[in-house]
């Protein structure tokens, strides 16, 4: 009798667990304006604590079309995520500012890294994603660039 009572509760608990799997941002960004940076989430089999998101801009080059490896570029900024913006099935939104120094008419690589901790021992994990955005007039939050392809990740496996 107890098993049948616990099964729906355990099932609902596992559905509430989520992790960040990518980012989405407007395809066109206007310097010195705000935009919505969206962290894409998906269900996960265990709860994940997302600590912070950090982002930056860099000009893609022929040698590094996805940016310099393991970097965020220039004009970095960050946002604390914590319990209210962590482990949620709803995508996480962050209001970010487009640096005034970005040159209009150029493509920029927007890189975002999220630092999280994973059970059972709060092992730290940092993952990053990139999207190419155009800098110019006409910012529109409905035309989006999204990526779920991990640009890089770093983890520490902790075993007791």
C-alpha atoms as a PDB file:
ATOM      1  CA  UNK A   1       0.000   0.000   0.000  1.00  0.00           C
ATOM      2  CA  UNK A   2       2.810   2.404   0.869  1.00  0.00           C
ATOM      3  CA  UNK A   3       4.587   1.807  -2.466  1.00  0.00           C
ATOM      4  CA  UNK A   4       1.539   2.840  -4.462  1.00  0.00           C
ATOM      5  CA  UNK A   5       1.271   6.040  -2.390  1.00  0.00           C
ATOM      6  CA  UNK A   6       4.950   6.966  -2.856  1.00  0.00           C
ATOM      7  CA  UNK A   7       5.162   6.213  -6.583  1.00  0.00           C
ATOM      8  CA  UNK A   8       3.274   9.338  -7.789  1.00  0.00           C
ATOM      9  CA  UNK A   9       5.225  11.548  -5.366  1.00  0.00           C
ATOM     10  CA  UNK A  10       8.584  10.186  -6.525  1.00  0.00           C
ATOM     11  CA  UNK A  11       7.528  10.508 -10.147  1.00  0.00           C
ATOM     12  CA  UNK A  12       6.514  14.148  -9.687  1.00  0.00           C
ATOM     13  CA  UNK A  13       9.785  14.900  -7.894  1.00  0.00           C
ATOM     14  CA  UNK A  14      11.902  13.528 -10.744  1.00  0.00           C
ATOM     15  CA  UNK A  15       9.927  15.565 -13.300  1.00  0.00           C
ATOM     16  CA  UNK A  16      10.692  18.756 -11.389  1.00  0.00           C
ATOM     17  CA  UNK A  17      14.463  18.300 -11.807  1.00  0.00           C
ATOM     18  CA  UNK A  18      16.096  20.190 -14.666  1.00  0.00           C
ATOM     19  CA  UNK A  19      19.389  21.456 -16.041  1.00  0.00           C
ATOM     20  CA  UNK A  20      20.546  24.200 -18.425  1.00  0.00           C
ATOM     21  CA  UNK A  21      21.297  22.899 -21.935  1.00  0.00           C
ATOM     22  CA  UNK A  22      21.831  25.991 -24.083  1.00  0.00           C
ATOM     23  CA  UNK A  23      21.126  29.640 -24.775  1.00  0.00           C
ATOM     24  CA  UNK A  24      18.946  31.838 -26.925  1.00  0.00           C
ATOM     25  CA  UNK A  25      19.342  35.539 -27.746  1.00  0.00           C
ATOM     26  CA  UNK A  26      17.979  38.008 -30.307  1.00  0.00           C
ATOM     27  CA  UNK A  27      19.599  37.647 -33.746  1.00  0.00           C
ATOM     28  CA  UNK A  28      20.185  41.414 -33.922  1.00  0.00           C
ATOM     29  CA  UNK A  29      21.477  43.401 -30.955  1.00  0.00           C
ATOM     30  CA  UNK A  30      21.628  47.189 -30.789  1.00  0.00           C
ATOM     31  CA  UNK A  31      24.536  48.739 -28.843  1.00  0.00           C
ATOM     32  CA  UNK A  32      23.660  50.277 -25.475  1.00  0.00           C
ATOM     33  CA  UNK A  33      20.299  48.507 -25.254  1.00  0.00           C
ATOM     34  CA  UNK A  34      18.934  45.727 -23.088  1.00  0.00           C
ATOM     35  CA  UNK A  35      18.051  42.282 -24.379  1.00  0.00           C
ATOM     36  CA  UNK A  36      16.714  39.034 -22.986  1.00  0.00           C
ATOM     37  CA  UNK A  37      19.325  36.329 -22.665  1.00  0.00           C
ATOM     38  CA  UNK A  38      17.524  32.993 -22.264  1.00  0.00           C
ATOM     39  CA  UNK A  39      19.054  29.883 -20.736  1.00  0.00           C
ATOM     40  CA  UNK A  40      17.319  26.847 -22.225  1.00  0.00           C
ATOM     41  CA  UNK A  41      16.442  24.024 -19.834  1.00  0.00           C
ATOM     42  CA  UNK A  42      15.357  20.401 -20.051  1.00  0.00           C
ATOM     43  CA  UNK A  43      14.158  17.759 -17.587  1.00  0.00           C
ATOM     44  CA  UNK A  44      16.951  15.897 -15.819  1.00  0.00           C
ATOM     45  CA  UNK A  45      16.969  12.820 -13.609  1.00  0.00           C
ATOM     46  CA  UNK A  46      18.412  14.654 -10.590  1.00  0.00           C
ATOM     47  CA  UNK A  47      18.318  18.221  -9.256  1.00  0.00           C
ATOM     48  CA  UNK A  48      21.081  20.559 -10.451  1.00  0.00           C
ATOM     49  CA  UNK A  49      22.028  23.759  -8.635  1.00  0.00           C
ATOM     50  CA  UNK A  50      22.873  26.518 -11.092  1.00  0.00           C
ATOM     51  CA  UNK A  51      25.052  29.114  -9.389  1.00  0.00           C
ATOM     52  CA  UNK A  52      25.822  31.829 -11.953  1.00  0.00           C
ATOM     53  CA  UNK A  53      25.821  32.739 -15.632  1.00  0.00           C
ATOM     54  CA  UNK A  54      28.635  34.768 -17.216  1.00  0.00           C
ATOM     55  CA  UNK A  55      28.616  36.109 -20.778  1.00  0.00           C
ATOM     56  CA  UNK A  56      30.786  38.114 -23.130  1.00  0.00           C
ATOM     57  CA  UNK A  57      31.210  39.152 -26.769  1.00  0.00           C
ATOM     58  CA  UNK A  58      34.010  38.521 -29.251  1.00  0.00           C
ATOM     59  CA  UNK A  59      34.500  38.949 -32.971  1.00  0.00           C
ATOM     60  CA  UNK A  60      34.649  35.581 -34.750  1.00  0.00           C
ATOM     61  CA  UNK A  61      37.747  35.082 -36.909  1.00  0.00           C
ATOM     62  CA  UNK A  62      38.610  32.630 -39.651  1.00  0.00           C
ATOM     63  CA  UNK A  63      40.982  30.870 -37.268  1.00  0.00           C
ATOM     64  CA  UNK A  64      38.402  30.823 -34.449  1.00  0.00           C
ATOM     65  CA  UNK A  65      34.896  31.037 -35.935  1.00  0.00           C
ATOM     66  CA  UNK A  66      33.443  29.918 -32.588  1.00  0.00           C
ATOM     67  CA  UNK A  67      35.692  32.239 -30.585  1.00  0.00           C
ATOM     68  CA  UNK A  68      38.923  31.615 -28.787  1.00  0.00           C
ATOM     69  CA  UNK A  69      38.590  28.266 -26.983  1.00  0.00           C
ATOM     70  CA  UNK A  70      37.629  28.372 -23.291  1.00  0.00           C
ATOM     71  CA  UNK A  71      36.990  32.125 -23.330  1.00  0.00           C
ATOM     72  CA  UNK A  72      34.018  34.450 -23.136  1.00  0.00           C
ATOM     73  CA  UNK A  73      35.570  37.376 -24.967  1.00  0.00           C
ATOM     74  CA  UNK A  74      35.298  41.024 -23.959  1.00  0.00           C
ATOM     75  CA  UNK A  75      32.716  43.095 -22.103  1.00  0.00           C
ATOM     76  CA  UNK A  76      31.889  40.266 -19.709  1.00  0.00           C
ATOM     77  CA  UNK A  77      29.001  40.483 -17.297  1.00  0.00           C
ATOM     78  CA  UNK A  78      27.355  38.024 -14.921  1.00  0.00           C
ATOM     79  CA  UNK A  79      24.154  37.150 -13.121  1.00  0.00           C
ATOM     80  CA  UNK A  80      23.580  35.156  -9.963  1.00  0.00           C
ATOM     81  CA  UNK A  81      21.100  32.333 -10.584  1.00  0.00           C
ATOM     82  CA  UNK A  82      20.760  30.583  -7.234  1.00  0.00           C
ATOM     83  CA  UNK A  83      17.682  28.743  -5.953  1.00  0.00           C
ATOM     84  CA  UNK A  84      15.090  30.956  -7.662  1.00  0.00           C
ATOM     85  CA  UNK A  85      16.528  30.502 -11.167  1.00  0.00           C
ATOM     86  CA  UNK A  86      17.900  26.995 -10.785  1.00  0.00           C
ATOM     87  CA  UNK A  87      16.594  23.488 -11.376  1.00  0.00           C
ATOM     88  CA  UNK A  88      13.503  24.748 -13.189  1.00  0.00           C
ATOM     89  CA  UNK A  89      11.756  23.346 -16.246  1.00  0.00           C
ATOM     90  CA  UNK A  90      10.901  26.893 -17.318  1.00  0.00           C
ATOM     91  CA  UNK A  91      13.646  28.563 -19.382  1.00  0.00           C
ATOM     92  CA  UNK A  92      15.621  31.087 -17.333  1.00  0.00           C
ATOM     93  CA  UNK A  93      15.672  34.690 -18.559  1.00  0.00           C
ATOM     94  CA  UNK A  94      18.299  37.296 -17.759  1.00  0.00           C
ATOM     95  CA  UNK A  95      18.083  40.957 -18.704  1.00  0.00           C
ATOM     96  CA  UNK A  96      21.469  41.819 -20.225  1.00  0.00           C
ATOM     97  CA  UNK A  97      22.943  44.976 -21.751  1.00  0.00           C
ATOM     98  CA  UNK A  98      24.578  45.200 -25.175  1.00  0.00           C
ATOM     99  CA  UNK A  99      27.910  47.001 -24.704  1.00  0.00           C
ATOM    100  CA  UNK A 100      27.981  50.466 -26.290  1.00  0.00           C
ATOM    101  CA  UNK A 101      31.476  49.670 -27.624  1.00  0.00           C
ATOM    102  CA  UNK A 102      30.297  46.952 -30.035  1.00  0.00           C
ATOM    103  CA  UNK A 103      30.632  48.112 -33.638  1.00  0.00           C
ATOM    104  CA  UNK A 104      27.424  48.205 -35.662  1.00  0.00           C
ATOM    105  CA  UNK A 105      27.398  46.195 -38.853  1.00  0.00           C
ATOM    106  CA  UNK A 106      29.576  43.408 -37.421  1.00  0.00           C
ATOM    107  CA  UNK A 107      28.772  39.871 -36.326  1.00  0.00           C
ATOM    108  CA  UNK A 108      29.703  39.052 -32.750  1.00  0.00           C
ATOM    109  CA  UNK A 109      29.963  35.770 -30.930  1.00  0.00           C
ATOM    110  CA  UNK A 110      27.898  35.853 -27.743  1.00  0.00           C
ATOM    111  CA  UNK A 111      29.341  33.265 -25.344  1.00  0.00           C
ATOM    112  CA  UNK A 112      27.622  32.204 -22.127  1.00  0.00           C
ATOM    113  CA  UNK A 113      29.008  29.972 -19.389  1.00  0.00           C
ATOM    114  CA  UNK A 114      26.920  28.519 -16.562  1.00  0.00           C
ATOM    115  CA  UNK A 115      28.507  27.195 -13.379  1.00  0.00           C
ATOM    116  CA  UNK A 116      26.455  24.492 -11.669  1.00  0.00           C
ATOM    117  CA  UNK A 117      26.893  21.852  -9.014  1.00  0.00           C
ATOM    118  CA  UNK A 118      25.759  18.268  -9.488  1.00  0.00           C
ATOM    119  CA  UNK A 119      24.839  15.658  -6.863  1.00  0.00           C
ATOM    120  CA  UNK A 120      25.752  13.734  -4.892  1.00  0.00           C
ATOM    121  CA  UNK A 121      28.701  15.813  -3.615  1.00  0.00           C
ATOM    122  CA  UNK A 122      28.059  19.190  -5.272  1.00  0.00           C
ATOM    123  CA  UNK A 123      30.654  18.541  -7.966  1.00  0.00           C
ATOM    124  CA  UNK A 124      31.250  21.810  -9.867  1.00  0.00           C
ATOM    125  CA  UNK A 125      30.572  21.864 -13.600  1.00  0.00           C
ATOM    126  CA  UNK A 126      30.937  24.764 -16.023  1.00  0.00           C
ATOM    127  CA  UNK A 127      29.423  24.561 -19.506  1.00  0.00           C
ATOM    128  CA  UNK A 128      29.457  27.181 -22.256  1.00  0.00           C
ATOM    129  CA  UNK A 129      27.447  27.856 -25.412  1.00  0.00           C
ATOM    130  CA  UNK A 130      27.913  30.308 -28.294  1.00  0.00           C
ATOM    131  CA  UNK A 131      25.619  32.024 -30.777  1.00  0.00           C
ATOM    132  CA  UNK A 132      26.506  34.473 -33.529  1.00  0.00           C
ATOM    133  CA  UNK A 133      24.507  37.702 -33.384  1.00  0.00           C
ATOM    134  CA  UNK A 134      24.555  40.757 -35.628  1.00  0.00           C
ATOM    135  CA  UNK A 135      25.168  44.181 -34.111  1.00  0.00           C
ATOM    136  CA  UNK A 136      23.013  46.900 -35.632  1.00  0.00           C
ATOM    137  CA  UNK A 137      19.692  48.701 -35.521  1.00  0.00           C
ATOM    138  CA  UNK A 138      16.425  46.790 -35.510  1.00  0.00           C
ATOM    139  CA  UNK A 139      16.733  44.640 -32.399  1.00  0.00           C
ATOM    140  CA  UNK A 140      13.731  42.338 -32.172  1.00  0.00           C
ATOM    141  CA  UNK A 141      13.248  39.800 -29.412  1.00  0.00           C
ATOM    142  CA  UNK A 142      11.198  37.502 -31.670  1.00  0.00           C
ATOM    143  CA  UNK A 143      14.014  36.684 -34.152  1.00  0.00           C
ATOM    144  CA  UNK A 144      16.253  34.451 -32.072  1.00  0.00           C
ATOM    145  CA  UNK A 145      19.552  32.632 -32.365  1.00  0.00           C
ATOM    146  CA  UNK A 146      19.757  29.498 -30.219  1.00  0.00           C
ATOM    147  CA  UNK A 147      22.363  26.864 -29.473  1.00  0.00           C
ATOM    148  CA  UNK A 148      22.368  23.662 -27.470  1.00  0.00           C
ATOM    149  CA  UNK A 149      25.737  22.528 -28.818  1.00  0.00           C
ATOM    150  CA  UNK A 150      28.186  22.777 -25.936  1.00  0.00           C
ATOM    151  CA  UNK A 151      31.111  25.028 -26.803  1.00  0.00           C
ATOM    152  CA  UNK A 152      33.140  23.651 -23.887  1.00  0.00           C
ATOM    153  CA  UNK A 153      32.701  22.162 -20.480  1.00  0.00           C
ATOM    154  CA  UNK A 154      34.831  21.591 -17.400  1.00  0.00           C
ATOM    155  CA  UNK A 155      33.915  19.354 -14.507  1.00  0.00           C
ATOM    156  CA  UNK A 156      35.332  18.007 -11.290  1.00  0.00           C
ATOM    157  CA  UNK A 157      34.243  14.515 -10.349  1.00  0.00           C
ATOM    158  CA  UNK A 158      34.070  14.188  -6.586  1.00  0.00           C
ATOM    159  CA  UNK A 159      33.902  10.770  -4.953  1.00  0.00           C
ATOM    160  CA  UNK A 160      33.924  10.102  -1.235  1.00  0.00           C
END
